[in-house]
Amino acid sequence: EPLPQGGARFSGLGTLFERHRLPQAALAVALDYDYQYDDRGKAKPEPIEIVKALLEHHADPRARCKYGDTLIMCAAANGYHRTVRALIAHGGNVHACESDGSNAMQCAISSGDMETVKEIVEGGWQVNALEVQNAADWRHPEIHEYLASVMAQQAAAR
């Protein structure tokens, strides 16, 4: 079924698939690290409208990019909190990780985007001391304080 014509413009999406012939799912293409920057190295805007349209047309939110990262990890690494929220809402798994143990929370912390970190937590993440320390190591004091608070709340709730 073709993508809708109303709302966001999707011209060029078919060209993207044809030109690169990428084997991963359509969402992986939209969130692939290689497409996050323009020719000058400037970050492209969050592709949320494309992501929403693909999810509405049954794209797999649990797919992985060509590097093996989950799509939530790709979105989190870029601070795309609206995309993280959409992926979780459509069945994406915040707990899935890369074979080396990399996970969505690590990606969210490294992005420095508080809203992305919050989306991972709200998606069911159990915060641990290592992640609190990672936020401090990355010099993100607001994220550090938030994660420390969440970790204490989660421990008290057990």
C-alpha atoms as a PDB file:
ATOM      1  CA  GLU A   1       0.000   0.000   0.000  1.00  0.00           C
ATOM      2  CA  PRO A   2       1.506   3.367  -0.940  1.00  0.00           C
ATOM      3  CA  LEU A   3       2.309   6.018   1.642  1.00  0.00           C
ATOM      4  CA  PRO A   4      -0.299   8.759   2.096  1.00  0.00           C
ATOM      5  CA  GLN A   5       0.021  11.889  -0.002  1.00  0.00           C
ATOM      6  CA  GLY A   6      -1.548  14.256   2.554  1.00  0.00           C
ATOM      7  CA  GLY A   7       0.413  15.847   5.402  1.00  0.00           C
ATOM      8  CA  ALA A   8       4.164  15.346   5.180  1.00  0.00           C
ATOM      9  CA  ARG A   9       5.768  15.074   1.769  1.00  0.00           C
ATOM     10  CA  PHE A  10       7.417  11.768   1.004  1.00  0.00           C
ATOM     11  CA  SER A  11       8.829  12.493  -2.412  1.00  0.00           C
ATOM     12  CA  GLY A  12      12.226  10.913  -2.829  1.00  0.00           C
ATOM     13  CA  LEU A  13      11.602   8.056  -0.392  1.00  0.00           C
ATOM     14  CA  GLY A  14      11.215   5.587  -3.249  1.00  0.00           C
ATOM     15  CA  THR A  15      14.338   7.007  -4.850  1.00  0.00           C
ATOM     16  CA  LEU A  16      16.199   6.518  -1.573  1.00  0.00           C
ATOM     17  CA  PHE A  17      15.296   2.813  -1.553  1.00  0.00           C
ATOM     18  CA  GLU A  18      16.141   2.340  -5.233  1.00  0.00           C
ATOM     19  CA  ARG A  19      19.406   4.285  -5.131  1.00  0.00           C
ATOM     20  CA  HIS A  20      20.861   2.586  -2.048  1.00  0.00           C
ATOM     21  CA  ARG A  21      19.166  -0.806  -2.239  1.00  0.00           C
ATOM     22  CA  LEU A  22      19.523  -1.201   1.526  1.00  0.00           C
ATOM     23  CA  PRO A  23      18.460  -4.603   2.833  1.00  0.00           C
ATOM     24  CA  GLN A  24      17.117  -3.437   6.200  1.00  0.00           C
ATOM     25  CA  ALA A  25      13.508  -2.476   6.925  1.00  0.00           C
ATOM     26  CA  ALA A  26      12.148   0.869   5.785  1.00  0.00           C
ATOM     27  CA  LEU A  27      12.445   2.320   9.272  1.00  0.00           C
ATOM     28  CA  ALA A  28      16.089   1.350   9.442  1.00  0.00           C
ATOM     29  CA  VAL A  29      16.667   3.369   6.295  1.00  0.00           C
ATOM     30  CA  ALA A  30      14.905   6.411   7.761  1.00  0.00           C
ATOM     31  CA  LEU A  31      16.989   6.216  10.947  1.00  0.00           C
ATOM     32  CA  ASP A  32      20.278   4.914   9.571  1.00  0.00           C
ATOM     33  CA  TYR A  33      23.265   6.805  10.974  1.00  0.00           C
ATOM     34  CA  ASP A  34      24.625   7.367   7.463  1.00  0.00           C
ATOM     35  CA  TYR A  35      21.619   9.522   6.561  1.00  0.00           C
ATOM     36  CA  GLN A  36      21.556  11.732   9.649  1.00  0.00           C
ATOM     37  CA  TYR A  37      23.867  14.396   8.222  1.00  0.00           C
ATOM     38  CA  ASP A  38      23.846  16.376   5.004  1.00  0.00           C
ATOM     39  CA  ASP A  39      26.826  16.733   2.643  1.00  0.00           C
ATOM     40  CA  ARG A  40      28.238  19.531   4.817  1.00  0.00           C
ATOM     41  CA  GLY A  41      28.068  17.480   8.016  1.00  0.00           C
ATOM     42  CA  LYS A  42      25.058  19.373   9.383  1.00  0.00           C
ATOM     43  CA  ALA A  43      22.524  17.255  11.276  1.00  0.00           C
ATOM     44  CA  LYS A  44      19.272  16.701   9.407  1.00  0.00           C
ATOM     45  CA  PRO A  45      15.972  17.282  11.235  1.00  0.00           C
ATOM     46  CA  GLU A  46      14.276  14.397  13.016  1.00  0.00           C
ATOM     47  CA  PRO A  47      12.429  12.304  10.397  1.00  0.00           C
ATOM     48  CA  ILE A  48       9.369  11.928  12.636  1.00  0.00           C
ATOM     49  CA  GLU A  49       6.734  12.318   9.904  1.00  0.00           C
ATOM     50  CA  ILE A  50       8.363   9.626   7.790  1.00  0.00           C
ATOM     51  CA  VAL A  51       8.731   7.374  10.837  1.00  0.00           C
ATOM     52  CA  LYS A  52       5.060   7.821  11.806  1.00  0.00           C
ATOM     53  CA  ALA A  53       3.874   7.081   8.267  1.00  0.00           C
ATOM     54  CA  LEU A  54       6.018   3.947   8.049  1.00  0.00           C
ATOM     55  CA  LEU A  55       4.814   2.725  11.442  1.00  0.00           C
ATOM     56  CA  GLU A  56       1.198   3.309  10.422  1.00  0.00           C
ATOM     57  CA  HIS A  57       1.892   1.141   7.388  1.00  0.00           C
ATOM     58  CA  HIS A  58       3.180  -1.727   9.535  1.00  0.00           C
ATOM     59  CA  ALA A  59       6.931  -1.143   9.331  1.00  0.00           C
ATOM     60  CA  ASP A  60       8.772  -3.152  11.978  1.00  0.00           C
ATOM     61  CA  PRO A  61       9.741  -1.001  15.003  1.00  0.00           C
ATOM     62  CA  ARG A  62      11.999  -3.842  16.199  1.00  0.00           C
ATOM     63  CA  ALA A  63      14.147  -3.840  13.062  1.00  0.00           C
ATOM     64  CA  ARG A  64      17.850  -3.131  13.290  1.00  0.00           C
ATOM     65  CA  CYS A  65      20.058  -0.881  11.228  1.00  0.00           C
ATOM     66  CA  LYS A  66      22.894  -2.236   9.109  1.00  0.00           C
ATOM     67  CA  TYR A  67      25.241  -1.861  12.117  1.00  0.00           C
ATOM     68  CA  GLY A  68      23.029  -4.138  14.221  1.00  0.00           C
ATOM     69  CA  ASP A  69      21.673  -1.420  16.522  1.00  0.00           C
ATOM     70  CA  THR A  70      17.990  -1.351  17.332  1.00  0.00           C
ATOM     71  CA  LEU A  71      16.029   1.505  15.797  1.00  0.00           C
ATOM     72  CA  ILE A  72      15.364   2.862  19.274  1.00  0.00           C
ATOM     73  CA  MET A  73      19.138   2.992  19.773  1.00  0.00           C
ATOM     74  CA  CYS A  74      19.562   4.852  16.461  1.00  0.00           C
ATOM     75  CA  ALA A  75      16.877   7.377  17.374  1.00  0.00           C
ATOM     76  CA  ALA A  76      18.165   7.760  20.943  1.00  0.00           C
ATOM     77  CA  ALA A  77      21.748   8.342  19.799  1.00  0.00           C
ATOM     78  CA  ASN A  78      20.518  11.299  17.752  1.00  0.00           C
ATOM     79  CA  GLY A  79      18.272  12.679  20.498  1.00  0.00           C
ATOM     80  CA  TYR A  80      15.106  11.967  18.497  1.00  0.00           C
ATOM     81  CA  HIS A  81      12.766  11.709  21.490  1.00  0.00           C
ATOM     82  CA  ARG A  82       9.554  11.864  19.403  1.00  0.00           C
ATOM     83  CA  THR A  83      10.824   8.995  17.270  1.00  0.00           C
ATOM     84  CA  VAL A  84      11.769   6.980  20.362  1.00  0.00           C
ATOM     85  CA  ARG A  85       8.236   7.543  21.711  1.00  0.00           C
ATOM     86  CA  ALA A  86       6.659   6.458  18.401  1.00  0.00           C
ATOM     87  CA  LEU A  87       8.807   3.320  18.165  1.00  0.00           C
ATOM     88  CA  ILE A  88       7.937   2.302  21.733  1.00  0.00           C
ATOM     89  CA  ALA A  89       4.229   2.972  21.145  1.00  0.00           C
ATOM     90  CA  HIS A  90       4.324   0.638  18.132  1.00  0.00           C
ATOM     91  CA  GLY A  91       6.100  -2.214  19.928  1.00  0.00           C
ATOM     92  CA  GLY A  92       9.767  -1.251  19.868  1.00  0.00           C
ATOM     93  CA  ASN A  93      11.754  -2.797  22.721  1.00  0.00           C
ATOM     94  CA  VAL A  94      13.809  -0.463  24.941  1.00  0.00           C
ATOM     95  CA  HIS A  95      15.511  -3.513  26.470  1.00  0.00           C
ATOM     96  CA  ALA A  96      16.938  -4.972  23.251  1.00  0.00           C
ATOM     97  CA  CYS A  97      20.658  -4.435  22.971  1.00  0.00           C
ATOM     98  CA  GLU A  98      23.580  -4.853  20.600  1.00  0.00           C
ATOM     99  CA  SER A  99      25.763  -7.982  20.811  1.00  0.00           C
ATOM    100  CA  ASP A 100      28.430  -5.948  22.659  1.00  0.00           C
ATOM    101  CA  GLY A 101      25.899  -4.919  25.330  1.00  0.00           C
ATOM    102  CA  SER A 102      25.242  -1.407  23.999  1.00  0.00           C
ATOM    103  CA  ASN A 103      21.719  -0.308  24.786  1.00  0.00           C
ATOM    104  CA  ALA A 104      19.170   2.432  24.204  1.00  0.00           C
ATOM    105  CA  MET A 105      19.828   4.147  27.540  1.00  0.00           C
ATOM    106  CA  GLN A 106      23.538   4.463  26.791  1.00  0.00           C
ATOM    107  CA  CYS A 107      22.667   5.989  23.423  1.00  0.00           C
ATOM    108  CA  ALA A 108      20.180   8.395  25.001  1.00  0.00           C
ATOM    109  CA  ILE A 109      22.696   9.495  27.638  1.00  0.00           C
ATOM    110  CA  SER A 110      25.410  10.072  25.040  1.00  0.00           C
ATOM    111  CA  SER A 111      23.019  12.237  22.990  1.00  0.00           C
ATOM    112  CA  GLY A 112      22.663  14.595  25.937  1.00  0.00           C
ATOM    113  CA  ASP A 113      18.933  14.975  25.247  1.00  0.00           C
ATOM    114  CA  MET A 114      16.907  14.832  28.477  1.00  0.00           C
ATOM    115  CA  GLU A 115      13.605  14.182  26.679  1.00  0.00           C
ATOM    116  CA  THR A 116      15.103  11.137  24.971  1.00  0.00           C
ATOM    117  CA  VAL A 117      16.359   9.773  28.297  1.00  0.00           C
ATOM    118  CA  LYS A 118      12.879  10.293  29.772  1.00  0.00           C
ATOM    119  CA  GLU A 119      11.252   8.424  26.875  1.00  0.00           C
ATOM    120  CA  ILE A 120      13.531   5.418  27.493  1.00  0.00           C
ATOM    121  CA  VAL A 121      12.657   5.449  31.214  1.00  0.00           C
ATOM    122  CA  GLU A 122       8.933   5.806  30.465  1.00  0.00           C
ATOM    123  CA  GLY A 123       9.288   2.885  28.058  1.00  0.00           C
ATOM    124  CA  GLY A 124      10.055   0.644  31.043  1.00  0.00           C
ATOM    125  CA  TRP A 125      13.795   1.036  31.576  1.00  0.00           C
ATOM    126  CA  GLN A 126      15.138   0.134  35.039  1.00  0.00           C
ATOM    127  CA  VAL A 127      17.928   2.607  35.805  1.00  0.00           C
ATOM    128  CA  ASN A 128      21.114   1.297  37.392  1.00  0.00           C
ATOM    129  CA  ALA A 129      24.150   2.914  39.011  1.00  0.00           C
ATOM    130  CA  LEU A 130      26.318   2.450  35.915  1.00  0.00           C
ATOM    131  CA  GLU A 131      23.966   4.596  33.847  1.00  0.00           C
ATOM    132  CA  VAL A 132      23.892   7.273  36.532  1.00  0.00           C
ATOM    133  CA  GLN A 133      27.701   7.269  36.447  1.00  0.00           C
ATOM    134  CA  ASN A 134      27.718   7.338  32.635  1.00  0.00           C
ATOM    135  CA  ALA A 135      25.621  10.522  32.714  1.00  0.00           C
ATOM    136  CA  ALA A 136      28.184  12.081  35.048  1.00  0.00           C
ATOM    137  CA  ASP A 137      31.071  10.884  32.872  1.00  0.00           C
ATOM    138  CA  TRP A 138      29.420  12.415  29.786  1.00  0.00           C
ATOM    139  CA  ARG A 139      29.088  15.672  31.752  1.00  0.00           C
ATOM    140  CA  HIS A 140      25.316  15.805  31.582  1.00  0.00           C
ATOM    141  CA  PRO A 141      24.466  16.983  35.132  1.00  0.00           C
ATOM    142  CA  GLU A 142      20.708  17.306  34.535  1.00  0.00           C
ATOM    143  CA  ILE A 143      20.518  13.782  33.137  1.00  0.00           C
ATOM    144  CA  HIS A 144      22.710  12.540  35.999  1.00  0.00           C
ATOM    145  CA  GLU A 145      20.367  14.060  38.605  1.00  0.00           C
ATOM    146  CA  TYR A 146      17.269  12.779  36.825  1.00  0.00           C
ATOM    147  CA  LEU A 147      18.600   9.216  36.524  1.00  0.00           C
ATOM    148  CA  ALA A 148      19.748   9.176  40.165  1.00  0.00           C
ATOM    149  CA  SER A 149      16.255  10.268  41.220  1.00  0.00           C
ATOM    150  CA  VAL A 150      14.556   7.671  39.010  1.00  0.00           C
ATOM    151  CA  MET A 151      16.877   4.924  40.265  1.00  0.00           C
ATOM    152  CA  ALA A 152      15.960   5.795  43.881  1.00  0.00           C
ATOM    153  CA  GLN A 153      12.232   5.855  43.051  1.00  0.00           C
ATOM    154  CA  GLN A 154      12.432   2.520  41.261  1.00  0.00           C
ATOM    155  CA  ALA A 155      14.354   0.959  44.159  1.00  0.00           C
ATOM    156  CA  ALA A 156      11.795   2.251  46.683  1.00  0.00           C
ATOM    157  CA  ALA A 157       8.943   0.809  44.585  1.00  0.00           C
ATOM    158  CA  ARG A 158      10.405  -2.715  44.677  1.00  0.00           C
END
